[in-house]
Amino acid sequence: MSKEFTVGDRVRVIALPRYVKTAEPMPMLRPPDVIQLGEEGIILDRRPGGYWGVRFSKGAFLMDALYIEAVASASQTGDHTDPPEPLSPT
């Protein structure tokens, strides 16, 4: 079963494929070292065949759902921290 994401979700690369395909009107195959393991990106759109368009720092690529995972935000993990107390003038 394919993972489901929403447009705008932050995702992290958990494994590198043998090659990556650019998410352009005329896609090109690129070596996998254009993205790094652990690099984070943003979901742009859903593509057929379980692929997702993801914007990384070096461009947009089509990623199979097997190679990415959702990045948990502070609101999803319940990690709510209070802002620091303002310093009182002395």
PDB file of N, CA and C in Angstrom:
ATOM      1  N   MET A   1       0.844  -1.189   0.000  1.00  0.00           N
ATOM      2  CA  MET A   1       0.000   0.000   0.000  1.00  0.00           C
ATOM      3  C   MET A   1       0.881   1.241   0.000  1.00  0.00           C
ATOM      4  N   SER A   2       0.541   2.218  -0.790  1.00  0.00           N
ATOM      5  CA  SER A   2       1.301   3.453  -0.929  1.00  0.00           C
ATOM      6  C   SER A   2       0.998   4.404   0.227  1.00  0.00           C
ATOM      7  N   LYS A   3       2.014   5.127   0.654  1.00  0.00           N
ATOM      8  CA  LYS A   3       1.824   6.144   1.688  1.00  0.00           C
ATOM      9  C   LYS A   3       1.037   7.299   1.086  1.00  0.00           C
ATOM     10  N   GLU A   4       0.261   7.949   1.916  1.00  0.00           N
ATOM     11  CA  GLU A   4      -0.520   9.092   1.455  1.00  0.00           C
ATOM     12  C   GLU A   4       0.018  10.364   2.088  1.00  0.00           C
ATOM     13  N   PHE A   5       0.183  11.384   1.273  1.00  0.00           N
ATOM     14  CA  PHE A   5       0.628  12.693   1.720  1.00  0.00           C
ATOM     15  C   PHE A   5      -0.356  13.723   1.196  1.00  0.00           C
ATOM     16  N   THR A   6      -0.252  14.922   1.695  1.00  0.00           N
ATOM     17  CA  THR A   6      -1.072  16.039   1.238  1.00  0.00           C
ATOM     18  C   THR A   6      -0.144  17.083   0.633  1.00  0.00           C
ATOM     19  N   VAL A   7      -0.603  17.766  -0.402  1.00  0.00           N
ATOM     20  CA  VAL A   7       0.190  18.836  -1.007  1.00  0.00           C
ATOM     21  C   VAL A   7       0.566  19.832   0.089  1.00  0.00           C
ATOM     22  N   GLY A   8       1.858  20.158   0.154  1.00  0.00           N
ATOM     23  CA  GLY A   8       2.355  21.066   1.177  1.00  0.00           C
ATOM     24  C   GLY A   8       3.007  20.360   2.356  1.00  0.00           C
ATOM     25  N   ASP A   9       2.817  19.035   2.473  1.00  0.00           N
ATOM     26  CA  ASP A   9       3.454  18.277   3.558  1.00  0.00           C
ATOM     27  C   ASP A   9       4.969  18.311   3.411  1.00  0.00           C
ATOM     28  N   ARG A  10       5.666  18.341   4.546  1.00  0.00           N
ATOM     29  CA  ARG A  10       7.123  18.213   4.541  1.00  0.00           C
ATOM     30  C   ARG A  10       7.457  16.733   4.629  1.00  0.00           C
ATOM     31  N   VAL A  11       8.390  16.309   3.786  1.00  0.00           N
ATOM     32  CA  VAL A  11       8.819  14.912   3.774  1.00  0.00           C
ATOM     33  C   VAL A  11      10.336  14.840   3.850  1.00  0.00           C
ATOM     34  N   ARG A  12      10.842  13.666   4.259  1.00  0.00           N
ATOM     35  CA  ARG A  12      12.271  13.424   4.386  1.00  0.00           C
ATOM     36  C   ARG A  12      12.632  12.194   3.549  1.00  0.00           C
ATOM     37  N   VAL A  13      13.796  12.237   2.915  1.00  0.00           N
ATOM     38  CA  VAL A  13      14.294  11.104   2.132  1.00  0.00           C
ATOM     39  C   VAL A  13      14.825  10.066   3.105  1.00  0.00           C
ATOM     40  N   ILE A  14      14.280   8.833   3.038  1.00  0.00           N
ATOM     41  CA  ILE A  14      14.718   7.768   3.946  1.00  0.00           C
ATOM     42  C   ILE A  14      15.577   6.727   3.242  1.00  0.00           C
ATOM     43  N   ALA A  15      15.588   6.746   1.923  1.00  0.00           N
ATOM     44  CA  ALA A  15      16.431   5.856   1.125  1.00  0.00           C
ATOM     45  C   ALA A  15      16.620   6.504  -0.242  1.00  0.00           C
ATOM     46  N   LEU A  16      17.770   6.258  -0.850  1.00  0.00           N
ATOM     47  CA  LEU A  16      18.036   6.828  -2.173  1.00  0.00           C
ATOM     48  C   LEU A  16      17.749   5.806  -3.269  1.00  0.00           C
ATOM     49  N   PRO A  17      16.997   6.211  -4.287  1.00  0.00           N
ATOM     50  CA  PRO A  17      16.770   5.309  -5.426  1.00  0.00           C
ATOM     51  C   PRO A  17      18.033   5.227  -6.286  1.00  0.00           C
ATOM     52  N   ARG A  18      18.043   4.350  -7.258  1.00  0.00           N
ATOM     53  CA  ARG A  18      19.197   4.217  -8.158  1.00  0.00           C
ATOM     54  C   ARG A  18      19.370   5.445  -9.036  1.00  0.00           C
ATOM     55  N   TYR A  19      18.287   6.127  -9.304  1.00  0.00           N
ATOM     56  CA  TYR A  19      18.308   7.381 -10.055  1.00  0.00           C
ATOM     57  C   TYR A  19      17.061   8.155  -9.666  1.00  0.00           C
ATOM     58  N   VAL A  20      17.032   9.448  -9.953  1.00  0.00           N
ATOM     59  CA  VAL A  20      15.833  10.260  -9.709  1.00  0.00           C
ATOM     60  C   VAL A  20      15.410  10.902 -11.021  1.00  0.00           C
ATOM     61  N   LYS A  21      14.119  11.136 -11.132  1.00  0.00           N
ATOM     62  CA  LYS A  21      13.571  11.768 -12.334  1.00  0.00           C
ATOM     63  C   LYS A  21      13.103  13.158 -11.964  1.00  0.00           C
ATOM     64  N   THR A  22      13.466  14.137 -12.782  1.00  0.00           N
ATOM     65  CA  THR A  22      13.032  15.502 -12.526  1.00  0.00           C
ATOM     66  C   THR A  22      11.533  15.618 -12.758  1.00  0.00           C
ATOM     67  N   ALA A  23      10.891  16.535 -12.034  1.00  0.00           N
ATOM     68  CA  ALA A  23       9.444  16.746 -12.149  1.00  0.00           C
ATOM     69  C   ALA A  23       9.184  17.923 -13.080  1.00  0.00           C
ATOM     70  N   GLU A  24       9.678  17.822 -14.305  1.00  0.00           N
ATOM     71  CA  GLU A  24       9.522  18.867 -15.309  1.00  0.00           C
ATOM     72  C   GLU A  24       8.627  18.352 -16.430  1.00  0.00           C
ATOM     73  N   PRO A  25       8.140  19.249 -17.291  1.00  0.00           N
ATOM     74  CA  PRO A  25       7.327  18.781 -18.421  1.00  0.00           C
ATOM     75  C   PRO A  25       8.087  17.775 -19.289  1.00  0.00           C
ATOM     76  N   MET A  26       9.413  17.937 -19.428  1.00  0.00           N
ATOM     77  CA  MET A  26      10.256  16.971 -20.130  1.00  0.00           C
ATOM     78  C   MET A  26      11.222  16.386 -19.092  1.00  0.00           C
ATOM     79  N   PRO A  27      10.794  15.328 -18.375  1.00  0.00           N
ATOM     80  CA  PRO A  27      11.605  14.786 -17.285  1.00  0.00           C
ATOM     81  C   PRO A  27      12.943  14.224 -17.768  1.00  0.00           C
ATOM     82  N   MET A  28      13.943  14.344 -16.899  1.00  0.00           N
ATOM     83  CA  MET A  28      15.268  13.774 -17.171  1.00  0.00           C
ATOM     84  C   MET A  28      15.670  12.911 -15.989  1.00  0.00           C
ATOM     85  N   LEU A  29      16.409  11.853 -16.262  1.00  0.00           N
ATOM     86  CA  LEU A  29      16.951  11.031 -15.190  1.00  0.00           C
ATOM     87  C   LEU A  29      18.235  11.669 -14.694  1.00  0.00           C
ATOM     88  N   ARG A  30      18.385  11.732 -13.381  1.00  0.00           N
ATOM     89  CA  ARG A  30      19.562  12.322 -12.756  1.00  0.00           C
ATOM     90  C   ARG A  30      20.166  11.309 -11.796  1.00  0.00           C
ATOM     91  N   PRO A  31      21.461  11.429 -11.508  1.00  0.00           N
ATOM     92  CA  PRO A  31      22.064  10.528 -10.516  1.00  0.00           C
ATOM     93  C   PRO A  31      21.461  10.818  -9.138  1.00  0.00           C
ATOM     94  N   PRO A  32      21.460   9.833  -8.249  1.00  0.00           N
ATOM     95  CA  PRO A  32      20.812  10.032  -6.950  1.00  0.00           C
ATOM     96  C   PRO A  32      21.526  11.028  -6.047  1.00  0.00           C
ATOM     97  N   ASP A  33      22.765  11.421  -6.368  1.00  0.00           N
ATOM     98  CA  ASP A  33      23.483  12.327  -5.478  1.00  0.00           C
ATOM     99  C   ASP A  33      23.031  13.787  -5.595  1.00  0.00           C
ATOM    100  N   VAL A  34      22.003  14.075  -6.408  1.00  0.00           N
ATOM    101  CA  VAL A  34      21.465  15.439  -6.433  1.00  0.00           C
ATOM    102  C   VAL A  34      20.615  15.705  -5.188  1.00  0.00           C
ATOM    103  N   ILE A  35      20.184  14.639  -4.512  1.00  0.00           N
ATOM    104  CA  ILE A  35      19.511  14.762  -3.220  1.00  0.00           C
ATOM    105  C   ILE A  35      20.298  13.940  -2.211  1.00  0.00           C
ATOM    106  N   GLN A  36      20.167  14.280  -0.952  1.00  0.00           N
ATOM    107  CA  GLN A  36      20.909  13.606   0.104  1.00  0.00           C
ATOM    108  C   GLN A  36      19.964  12.807   0.993  1.00  0.00           C
ATOM    109  N   LEU A  37      20.466  11.735   1.546  1.00  0.00           N
ATOM    110  CA  LEU A  37      19.709  10.961   2.515  1.00  0.00           C
ATOM    111  C   LEU A  37      19.390  11.861   3.703  1.00  0.00           C
ATOM    112  N   GLY A  38      18.141  11.937   4.107  1.00  0.00           N
ATOM    113  CA  GLY A  38      17.719  12.800   5.204  1.00  0.00           C
ATOM    114  C   GLY A  38      17.300  14.192   4.778  1.00  0.00           C
ATOM    115  N   GLU A  39      17.493  14.529   3.500  1.00  0.00           N
ATOM    116  CA  GLU A  39      17.095  15.859   3.011  1.00  0.00           C
ATOM    117  C   GLU A  39      15.574  15.993   3.077  1.00  0.00           C
ATOM    118  N   GLU A  40      15.123  17.186   3.417  1.00  0.00           N
ATOM    119  CA  GLU A  40      13.688  17.444   3.512  1.00  0.00           C
ATOM    120  C   GLU A  40      13.201  18.250   2.315  1.00  0.00           C
ATOM    121  N   GLY A  41      11.970  17.971   1.926  1.00  0.00           N
ATOM    122  CA  GLY A  41      11.348  18.680   0.818  1.00  0.00           C
ATOM    123  C   GLY A  41       9.870  18.861   1.079  1.00  0.00           C
ATOM    124  N   ILE A  42       9.190  19.475   0.117  1.00  0.00           N
ATOM    125  CA  ILE A  42       7.760  19.759   0.239  1.00  0.00           C
ATOM    126  C   ILE A  42       7.020  19.091  -0.917  1.00  0.00           C
ATOM    127  N   ILE A  43       5.934  18.405  -0.593  1.00  0.00           N
ATOM    128  CA  ILE A  43       5.104  17.740  -1.604  1.00  0.00           C
ATOM    129  C   ILE A  43       4.454  18.793  -2.497  1.00  0.00           C
ATOM    130  N   LEU A  44       4.656  18.654  -3.808  1.00  0.00           N
ATOM    131  CA  LEU A  44       4.049  19.561  -4.782  1.00  0.00           C
ATOM    132  C   LEU A  44       2.757  19.001  -5.356  1.00  0.00           C
ATOM    133  N   ASP A  45       2.773  17.701  -5.692  1.00  0.00           N
ATOM    134  CA  ASP A  45       1.596  17.081  -6.285  1.00  0.00           C
ATOM    135  C   ASP A  45       1.717  15.569  -6.271  1.00  0.00           C
ATOM    136  N   ARG A  46       0.607  14.909  -6.622  1.00  0.00           N
ATOM    137  CA  ARG A  46       0.526  13.447  -6.705  1.00  0.00           C
ATOM    138  C   ARG A  46       0.635  13.068  -8.162  1.00  0.00           C
ATOM    139  N   ARG A  47       1.433  12.067  -8.461  1.00  0.00           N
ATOM    140  CA  ARG A  47       1.579  11.587  -9.834  1.00  0.00           C
ATOM    141  C   ARG A  47       1.132  10.131  -9.912  1.00  0.00           C
ATOM    142  N   PRO A  48       0.787   9.651 -11.098  1.00  0.00           N
ATOM    143  CA  PRO A  48       0.369   8.251 -11.250  1.00  0.00           C
ATOM    144  C   PRO A  48       1.478   7.283 -10.856  1.00  0.00           C
ATOM    145  N   GLY A  49       1.075   6.103 -10.428  1.00  0.00           N
ATOM    146  CA  GLY A  49       2.028   5.036 -10.127  1.00  0.00           C
ATOM    147  C   GLY A  49       2.690   5.139  -8.767  1.00  0.00           C
ATOM    148  N   GLY A  50       2.100   5.876  -7.832  1.00  0.00           N
ATOM    149  CA  GLY A  50       2.666   5.989  -6.497  1.00  0.00           C
ATOM    150  C   GLY A  50       3.803   6.990  -6.378  1.00  0.00           C
ATOM    151  N   TYR A  51       3.926   7.880  -7.356  1.00  0.00           N
ATOM    152  CA  TYR A  51       4.986   8.892  -7.322  1.00  0.00           C
ATOM    153  C   TYR A  51       4.446  10.218  -6.810  1.00  0.00           C
ATOM    154  N   TRP A  52       5.331  10.981  -6.203  1.00  0.00           N
ATOM    155  CA  TRP A  52       5.003  12.301  -5.673  1.00  0.00           C
ATOM    156  C   TRP A  52       5.995  13.309  -6.208  1.00  0.00           C
ATOM    157  N   GLY A  53       5.515  14.468  -6.612  1.00  0.00           N
ATOM    158  CA  GLY A  53       6.390  15.573  -6.985  1.00  0.00           C
ATOM    159  C   GLY A  53       6.841  16.249  -5.700  1.00  0.00           C
ATOM    160  N   VAL A  54       8.163  16.316  -5.487  1.00  0.00           N
ATOM    161  CA  VAL A  54       8.705  16.878  -4.253  1.00  0.00           C
ATOM    162  C   VAL A  54       9.729  17.956  -4.601  1.00  0.00           C
ATOM    163  N   ARG A  55       9.603  19.133  -3.972  1.00  0.00           N
ATOM    164  CA  ARG A  55      10.547  20.235  -4.163  1.00  0.00           C
ATOM    165  C   ARG A  55      11.646  20.114  -3.112  1.00  0.00           C
ATOM    166  N   PHE A  56      12.888  19.924  -3.580  1.00  0.00           N
ATOM    167  CA  PHE A  56      14.070  19.902  -2.724  1.00  0.00           C
ATOM    168  C   PHE A  56      14.892  21.152  -3.010  1.00  0.00           C
ATOM    169  N   SER A  57      16.007  21.316  -2.315  1.00  0.00           N
ATOM    170  CA  SER A  57      16.830  22.519  -2.496  1.00  0.00           C
ATOM    171  C   SER A  57      17.420  22.601  -3.899  1.00  0.00           C
ATOM    172  N   LYS A  58      17.675  21.461  -4.558  1.00  0.00           N
ATOM    173  CA  LYS A  58      18.284  21.472  -5.892  1.00  0.00           C
ATOM    174  C   LYS A  58      17.277  21.254  -7.015  1.00  0.00           C
ATOM    175  N   GLY A  59      15.989  21.351  -6.703  1.00  0.00           N
ATOM    176  CA  GLY A  59      14.980  21.210  -7.745  1.00  0.00           C
ATOM    177  C   GLY A  59      13.839  20.307  -7.330  1.00  0.00           C
ATOM    178  N   ALA A  60      12.915  20.088  -8.255  1.00  0.00           N
ATOM    179  CA  ALA A  60      11.754  19.236  -8.014  1.00  0.00           C
ATOM    180  C   ALA A  60      11.976  17.892  -8.681  1.00  0.00           C
ATOM    181  N   PHE A  61      11.679  16.827  -7.938  1.00  0.00           N
ATOM    182  CA  PHE A  61      11.906  15.471  -8.436  1.00  0.00           C
ATOM    183  C   PHE A  61      10.689  14.607  -8.155  1.00  0.00           C
ATOM    184  N   LEU A  62      10.527  13.547  -8.959  1.00  0.00           N
ATOM    185  CA  LEU A  62       9.474  12.568  -8.735  1.00  0.00           C
ATOM    186  C   LEU A  62      10.038  11.490  -7.815  1.00  0.00           C
ATOM    187  N   MET A  63       9.389  11.297  -6.682  1.00  0.00           N
ATOM    188  CA  MET A  63       9.863  10.322  -5.702  1.00  0.00           C
ATOM    189  C   MET A  63       8.799   9.272  -5.453  1.00  0.00           C
ATOM    190  N   ASP A  64       9.201   8.010  -5.488  1.00  0.00           N
ATOM    191  CA  ASP A  64       8.312   6.926  -5.117  1.00  0.00           C
ATOM    192  C   ASP A  64       8.050   7.035  -3.620  1.00  0.00           C
ATOM    193  N   ALA A  65       6.847   6.702  -3.191  1.00  0.00           N
ATOM    194  CA  ALA A  65       6.483   6.803  -1.779  1.00  0.00           C
ATOM    195  C   ALA A  65       7.362   5.913  -0.896  1.00  0.00           C
ATOM    196  N   LEU A  66       8.026   4.921  -1.475  1.00  0.00           N
ATOM    197  CA  LEU A  66       8.911   4.042  -0.703  1.00  0.00           C
ATOM    198  C   LEU A  66      10.140   4.769  -0.188  1.00  0.00           C
ATOM    199  N   TYR A  67      10.513   5.867  -0.823  1.00  0.00           N
ATOM    200  CA  TYR A  67      11.759   6.559  -0.501  1.00  0.00           C
ATOM    201  C   TYR A  67      11.582   7.782   0.387  1.00  0.00           C
ATOM    202  N   ILE A  68      10.340   8.113   0.741  1.00  0.00           N
ATOM    203  CA  ILE A  68      10.103   9.305   1.551  1.00  0.00           C
ATOM    204  C   ILE A  68       9.177   8.988   2.717  1.00  0.00           C
ATOM    205  N   GLU A  69       9.283   9.813   3.770  1.00  0.00           N
ATOM    206  CA  GLU A  69       8.378   9.706   4.908  1.00  0.00           C
ATOM    207  C   GLU A  69       7.978  11.110   5.331  1.00  0.00           C
ATOM    208  N   ALA A  70       6.826  11.215   5.976  1.00  0.00           N
ATOM    209  CA  ALA A  70       6.352  12.513   6.461  1.00  0.00           C
ATOM    210  C   ALA A  70       7.226  12.973   7.618  1.00  0.00           C
ATOM    211  N   VAL A  71       7.465  14.272   7.664  1.00  0.00           N
ATOM    212  CA  VAL A  71       8.204  14.874   8.781  1.00  0.00           C
ATOM    213  C   VAL A  71       7.173  15.347   9.785  1.00  0.00           C
ATOM    214  N   ALA A  72       7.266  14.862  11.007  1.00  0.00           N
ATOM    215  CA  ALA A  72       6.304  15.247  12.042  1.00  0.00           C
ATOM    216  C   ALA A  72       6.596  16.660  12.508  1.00  0.00           C
ATOM    217  N   SER A  73       5.563  17.480  12.501  1.00  0.00           N
ATOM    218  CA  SER A  73       5.709  18.846  13.007  1.00  0.00           C
ATOM    219  C   SER A  73       5.460  18.836  14.507  1.00  0.00           C
ATOM    220  N   ALA A  74       5.760  19.933  15.178  1.00  0.00           N
ATOM    221  CA  ALA A  74       5.580  20.018  16.622  1.00  0.00           C
ATOM    222  C   ALA A  74       4.116  19.813  17.006  1.00  0.00           C
ATOM    223  N   SER A  75       3.178  20.259  16.169  1.00  0.00           N
ATOM    224  CA  SER A  75       1.765  20.093  16.496  1.00  0.00           C
ATOM    225  C   SER A  75       1.329  18.639  16.380  1.00  0.00           C
ATOM    226  N   GLN A  76       1.979  17.863  15.510  1.00  0.00           N
ATOM    227  CA  GLN A  76       1.624  16.457  15.353  1.00  0.00           C
ATOM    228  C   GLN A  76       2.204  15.602  16.460  1.00  0.00           C
ATOM    229  N   THR A  77       3.361  15.947  16.986  1.00  0.00           N
ATOM    230  CA  THR A  77       4.019  15.130  17.998  1.00  0.00           C
ATOM    231  C   THR A  77       3.580  15.490  19.403  1.00  0.00           C
ATOM    232  N   GLY A  78       2.848  16.600  19.560  1.00  0.00           N
ATOM    233  CA  GLY A  78       2.426  17.020  20.879  1.00  0.00           C
ATOM    234  C   GLY A  78       3.544  17.715  21.640  1.00  0.00           C
ATOM    235  N   ASP A  79       4.598  18.091  20.949  1.00  0.00           N
ATOM    236  CA  ASP A  79       5.740  18.747  21.579  1.00  0.00           C
ATOM    237  C   ASP A  79       5.496  20.246  21.613  1.00  0.00           C
ATOM    238  N   HIS A  80       4.644  20.664  22.523  1.00  0.00           N
ATOM    239  CA  HIS A  80       4.322  22.079  22.646  1.00  0.00           C
ATOM    240  C   HIS A  80       5.192  22.671  23.736  1.00  0.00           C
ATOM    241  N   THR A  81       6.043  23.581  23.371  1.00  0.00           N
ATOM    242  CA  THR A  81       6.887  24.232  24.354  1.00  0.00           C
ATOM    243  C   THR A  81       6.445  25.674  24.474  1.00  0.00           C
ATOM    244  N   ASP A  82       6.458  26.167  25.696  1.00  0.00           N
ATOM    245  CA  ASP A  82       6.085  27.555  25.930  1.00  0.00           C
ATOM    246  C   ASP A  82       7.226  28.454  25.507  1.00  0.00           C
ATOM    247  N   PRO A  83       6.904  29.659  25.046  1.00  0.00           N
ATOM    248  CA  PRO A  83       7.978  30.593  24.697  1.00  0.00           C
ATOM    249  C   PRO A  83       8.751  30.967  25.948  1.00  0.00           C
ATOM    250  N   PRO A  84      10.004  31.336  25.804  1.00  0.00           N
ATOM    251  CA  PRO A  84      10.775  31.696  27.002  1.00  0.00           C
ATOM    252  C   PRO A  84      10.203  32.943  27.674  1.00  0.00           C
ATOM    253  N   GLU A  85      10.368  32.997  28.974  1.00  0.00           N
ATOM    254  CA  GLU A  85       9.897  34.152  29.754  1.00  0.00           C
ATOM    255  C   GLU A  85      10.730  35.373  29.375  1.00  0.00           C
ATOM    256  N   PRO A  86      10.101  36.533  29.229  1.00  0.00           N
ATOM    257  CA  PRO A  86      10.878  37.738  28.923  1.00  0.00           C
ATOM    258  C   PRO A  86      11.741  38.106  30.129  1.00  0.00           C
ATOM    259  N   LEU A  87      12.907  38.646  29.839  1.00  0.00           N
ATOM    260  CA  LEU A  87      13.795  39.061  30.905  1.00  0.00           C
ATOM    261  C   LEU A  87      13.276  40.334  31.518  1.00  0.00           C
ATOM    262  N   SER A  88      13.276  40.404  32.843  1.00  0.00           N
ATOM    263  CA  SER A  88      12.810  41.617  33.509  1.00  0.00           C
ATOM    264  C   SER A  88      13.966  42.608  33.614  1.00  0.00           C
ATOM    265  N   PRO A  89      13.687  43.879  33.390  1.00  0.00           N
ATOM    266  CA  PRO A  89      14.769  44.876  33.486  1.00  0.00           C
ATOM    267  C   PRO A  89      15.248  45.002  34.934  1.00  0.00           C
ATOM    268  N   THR A  90      16.529  45.069  35.125  1.00  0.00           N
ATOM    269  CA  THR A  90      17.083  45.187  36.484  1.00  0.00           C
ATOM    270  C   THR A  90      17.857  46.450  36.662  1.00  0.00           C
TER     271      THR A  90
END
